[in-house]
Amino acid sequence: MTAPSTFGLSSEARNLHWLLTNLVEEVPGIQSVAVVSSDGLLLLSSDQARNDAAREARSDRPTGPRGSSADLATVVSGIGSLTIGAAKLMQFGAVKHTMVAMDEGSLFVMSISDGSLLGVHGSADCDMSVVAYHMALFVGRAGHVLTPELRSELRKSLEAASAGSTR
């Protein structure tokens, strides 16, 4: 699934699309990105078509979990729930970010607002500190505009794009 067209979206939604696309295109090693609501629904994902050029140099590597932003959203939601539960159990406060390092890549999860999460799948050679820094910039810019109304608009936009692609 790719990001839907920004035609007809509010300026806030278009800005979030731009921020996400910029994150993927500007940060070396990022394979895919997903923004997930507190209830685990995909709100926004990296646009495969726009990011293909940035990934051409890494064409021999996977482009994301099974190539699907929905799969990334599921993983991000699950890790988010697990770490939130662990933090409550340990009474250490809110979870700010989580990182999972694997042989062939990394997964980063960062809280945005109201339980929303930003998930990034990075390649094995990505600079984790650079990815985390740019994720924090995204969260800082997106957190205050990710209102319930905007989350609803983004979700409807993804549903409409999904319905259009299955026809």
Protein backbone atom coordinates (compact mmCIF):
# COMPACT_ATOMS: atom_id res chain seq x y z
CA MET A 1 0.00 0.00 0.00
CA THR A 2 1.32 3.43 -0.79
CA ALA A 3 0.39 6.83 0.50
CA PRO A 4 -2.72 8.22 -1.10
CA SER A 5 -2.80 11.31 -3.24
CA THR A 6 -2.82 14.53 -1.23
CA PHE A 7 -5.42 16.05 -3.57
CA GLY A 8 -8.41 17.26 -1.57
CA LEU A 9 -6.70 16.94 1.81
CA SER A 10 -6.40 19.71 4.38
CA SER A 11 -3.17 21.68 4.57
CA GLU A 12 -2.28 19.87 7.82
CA ALA A 13 -2.66 16.47 6.14
CA ARG A 14 -0.61 17.59 3.14
CA ASN A 15 2.09 18.89 5.48
CA LEU A 16 2.24 15.54 7.28
CA HIS A 17 2.56 13.74 3.93
CA TRP A 18 5.37 16.11 3.00
CA LEU A 19 7.15 15.60 6.35
CA LEU A 20 6.95 11.83 6.02
CA THR A 21 8.14 11.80 2.40
CA ASN A 22 10.97 14.15 3.33
CA LEU A 23 11.98 11.87 6.21
CA VAL A 24 12.30 8.86 3.89
CA GLU A 25 14.04 10.70 1.07
CA GLU A 26 16.48 12.69 3.19
CA VAL A 27 17.64 10.12 5.74
CA PRO A 28 19.95 7.43 4.37
CA GLY A 29 19.00 3.89 5.27
CA ILE A 30 15.29 4.36 5.88
CA GLN A 31 13.35 1.64 4.08
CA SER A 32 9.76 2.38 5.10
CA VAL A 33 7.80 4.51 7.55
CA ALA A 34 4.35 4.21 9.11
CA VAL A 35 2.32 6.45 11.40
CA VAL A 36 -0.10 4.41 13.49
CA SER A 37 -3.02 5.58 15.62
CA SER A 38 -3.40 4.58 19.26
CA ASP A 39 -5.83 1.83 18.21
CA GLY A 40 -3.32 0.33 15.78
CA LEU A 41 -4.72 1.69 12.51
CA LEU A 42 -2.38 2.87 9.79
CA LEU A 43 -2.74 6.63 9.28
CA LEU A 44 0.15 7.49 7.01
CA SER A 45 2.88 5.54 5.26
CA SER A 46 5.87 6.16 3.06
CA ASP A 47 4.99 6.54 -0.59
CA GLN A 48 6.75 3.76 -2.49
CA ALA A 49 6.55 5.54 -5.85
CA ARG A 50 8.28 8.69 -4.60
CA ASN A 51 10.92 6.80 -2.68
CA ASP A 52 11.94 4.24 -5.32
CA ALA A 53 14.71 6.51 -6.60
CA ALA A 54 16.13 6.90 -3.10
CA ARG A 55 16.18 3.10 -2.72
CA GLU A 56 17.67 2.15 -6.12
CA ALA A 57 21.14 1.90 -4.63
CA ARG A 58 19.81 -0.65 -2.14
CA SER A 59 17.69 -2.68 -4.59
CA ASP A 60 19.21 -5.98 -3.45
CA ARG A 61 17.85 -5.48 0.08
CA PRO A 62 14.26 -5.80 1.29
CA THR A 63 12.20 -2.62 1.16
CA GLY A 64 10.20 -3.30 4.31
CA PRO A 65 8.39 -5.97 6.20
CA ARG A 66 7.01 -8.02 3.31
CA GLY A 67 6.96 -4.74 1.39
CA SER A 68 3.74 -3.65 3.03
CA SER A 69 3.13 -0.57 5.14
CA ALA A 70 0.20 -2.43 6.71
CA ASP A 71 2.64 -5.08 7.98
CA LEU A 72 4.91 -2.36 9.36
CA ALA A 73 1.92 -0.73 11.06
CA THR A 74 0.99 -4.06 12.68
CA VAL A 75 4.51 -4.57 14.00
CA VAL A 76 4.76 -0.98 15.25
CA SER A 77 1.40 -1.24 17.00
CA GLY A 78 2.38 -4.51 18.66
CA ILE A 79 5.75 -3.24 19.85
CA GLY A 80 4.11 -0.05 21.07
CA SER A 81 1.56 -1.99 23.11
CA LEU A 82 4.21 -4.28 24.54
CA THR A 83 6.52 -1.47 25.63
CA ILE A 84 3.67 0.59 27.09
CA GLY A 85 2.60 -2.44 29.13
CA ALA A 86 6.18 -3.01 30.28
CA ALA A 87 6.56 0.63 31.32
CA LYS A 88 3.33 0.48 33.34
CA LEU A 89 4.41 -2.77 34.99
CA MET A 90 7.81 -1.33 35.89
CA GLN A 91 6.33 2.07 36.83
CA PHE A 92 8.98 3.96 34.89
CA GLY A 93 6.68 6.44 33.13
CA ALA A 94 5.78 6.83 29.48
CA VAL A 95 7.69 5.14 26.66
CA LYS A 96 9.48 7.68 24.47
CA HIS A 97 11.11 5.40 21.90
CA THR A 98 12.02 1.80 21.21
CA MET A 99 14.71 0.38 18.98
CA VAL A 100 15.10 -3.19 17.76
CA ALA A 101 18.40 -4.06 16.09
CA MET A 102 18.38 -7.10 13.79
CA ASP A 103 21.00 -8.71 11.55
CA GLU A 104 19.54 -7.22 8.37
CA GLY A 105 18.03 -3.98 9.66
CA SER A 106 16.55 -1.98 12.49
CA LEU A 107 13.11 -1.00 13.68
CA PHE A 108 12.50 2.27 15.49
CA VAL A 109 9.24 3.19 17.24
CA MET A 110 8.64 6.63 18.72
CA SER A 111 5.58 8.08 20.47
CA ILE A 112 3.97 11.03 18.69
CA SER A 113 0.90 12.10 20.68
CA ASP A 114 -2.21 10.60 22.27
CA GLY A 115 -0.82 7.10 21.75
CA SER A 116 0.02 7.58 18.07
CA LEU A 117 3.31 6.07 16.99
CA LEU A 118 5.93 6.66 14.32
CA GLY A 119 7.59 3.47 13.09
CA VAL A 120 10.68 3.37 10.88
CA HIS A 121 12.27 0.31 9.28
CA GLY A 122 15.92 1.00 8.55
CA SER A 123 18.58 -0.92 6.67
CA ALA A 124 21.43 -2.68 8.47
CA ASP A 125 23.86 0.09 7.54
CA CYS A 126 21.71 3.04 8.63
CA ASP A 127 23.14 5.41 11.23
CA MET A 128 20.78 4.79 14.15
CA SER A 129 21.52 8.13 15.80
CA VAL A 130 20.71 10.03 12.58
CA VAL A 131 17.46 8.09 12.13
CA ALA A 132 16.46 8.72 15.76
CA TYR A 133 17.29 12.43 15.44
CA HIS A 134 15.16 12.85 12.31
CA MET A 135 12.33 10.86 13.86
CA ALA A 136 12.40 13.23 16.85
CA LEU A 137 12.20 16.18 14.43
CA PHE A 138 9.20 14.58 12.71
CA VAL A 139 7.49 13.92 16.06
CA GLY A 140 8.14 17.49 17.18
CA ARG A 141 6.63 18.90 14.01
CA ALA A 142 3.75 16.44 13.68
CA GLY A 143 2.72 15.95 17.29
CA HIS A 144 0.84 19.19 17.76
CA VAL A 145 -1.14 18.88 14.51
CA LEU A 146 -2.12 15.22 14.82
CA THR A 147 -5.55 15.98 16.24
CA PRO A 148 -8.46 13.52 16.33
CA GLU A 149 -9.95 15.30 13.32
CA LEU A 150 -6.73 14.97 11.34
CA ARG A 151 -6.34 11.30 12.31
CA SER A 152 -9.88 10.69 11.04
CA GLU A 153 -9.11 12.50 7.77
CA LEU A 154 -5.91 10.51 7.23
CA ARG A 155 -7.67 7.21 7.96
CA LYS A 156 -10.49 8.00 5.52
CA SER A 157 -7.92 8.99 2.91
CA LEU A 158 -6.15 5.63 3.25
CA GLU A 159 -9.46 3.75 3.10
CA ALA A 160 -10.46 5.60 -0.05
CA ALA A 161 -7.09 4.89 -1.68
CA SER A 162 -7.32 1.22 -0.68
CA ALA A 163 -10.85 0.93 -2.09
CA GLY A 164 -9.72 2.58 -5.33
CA SER A 165 -6.78 0.19 -5.75
CA THR A 166 -8.86 -2.96 -5.31
CA ARG A 167 -11.21 -2.11 -8.13
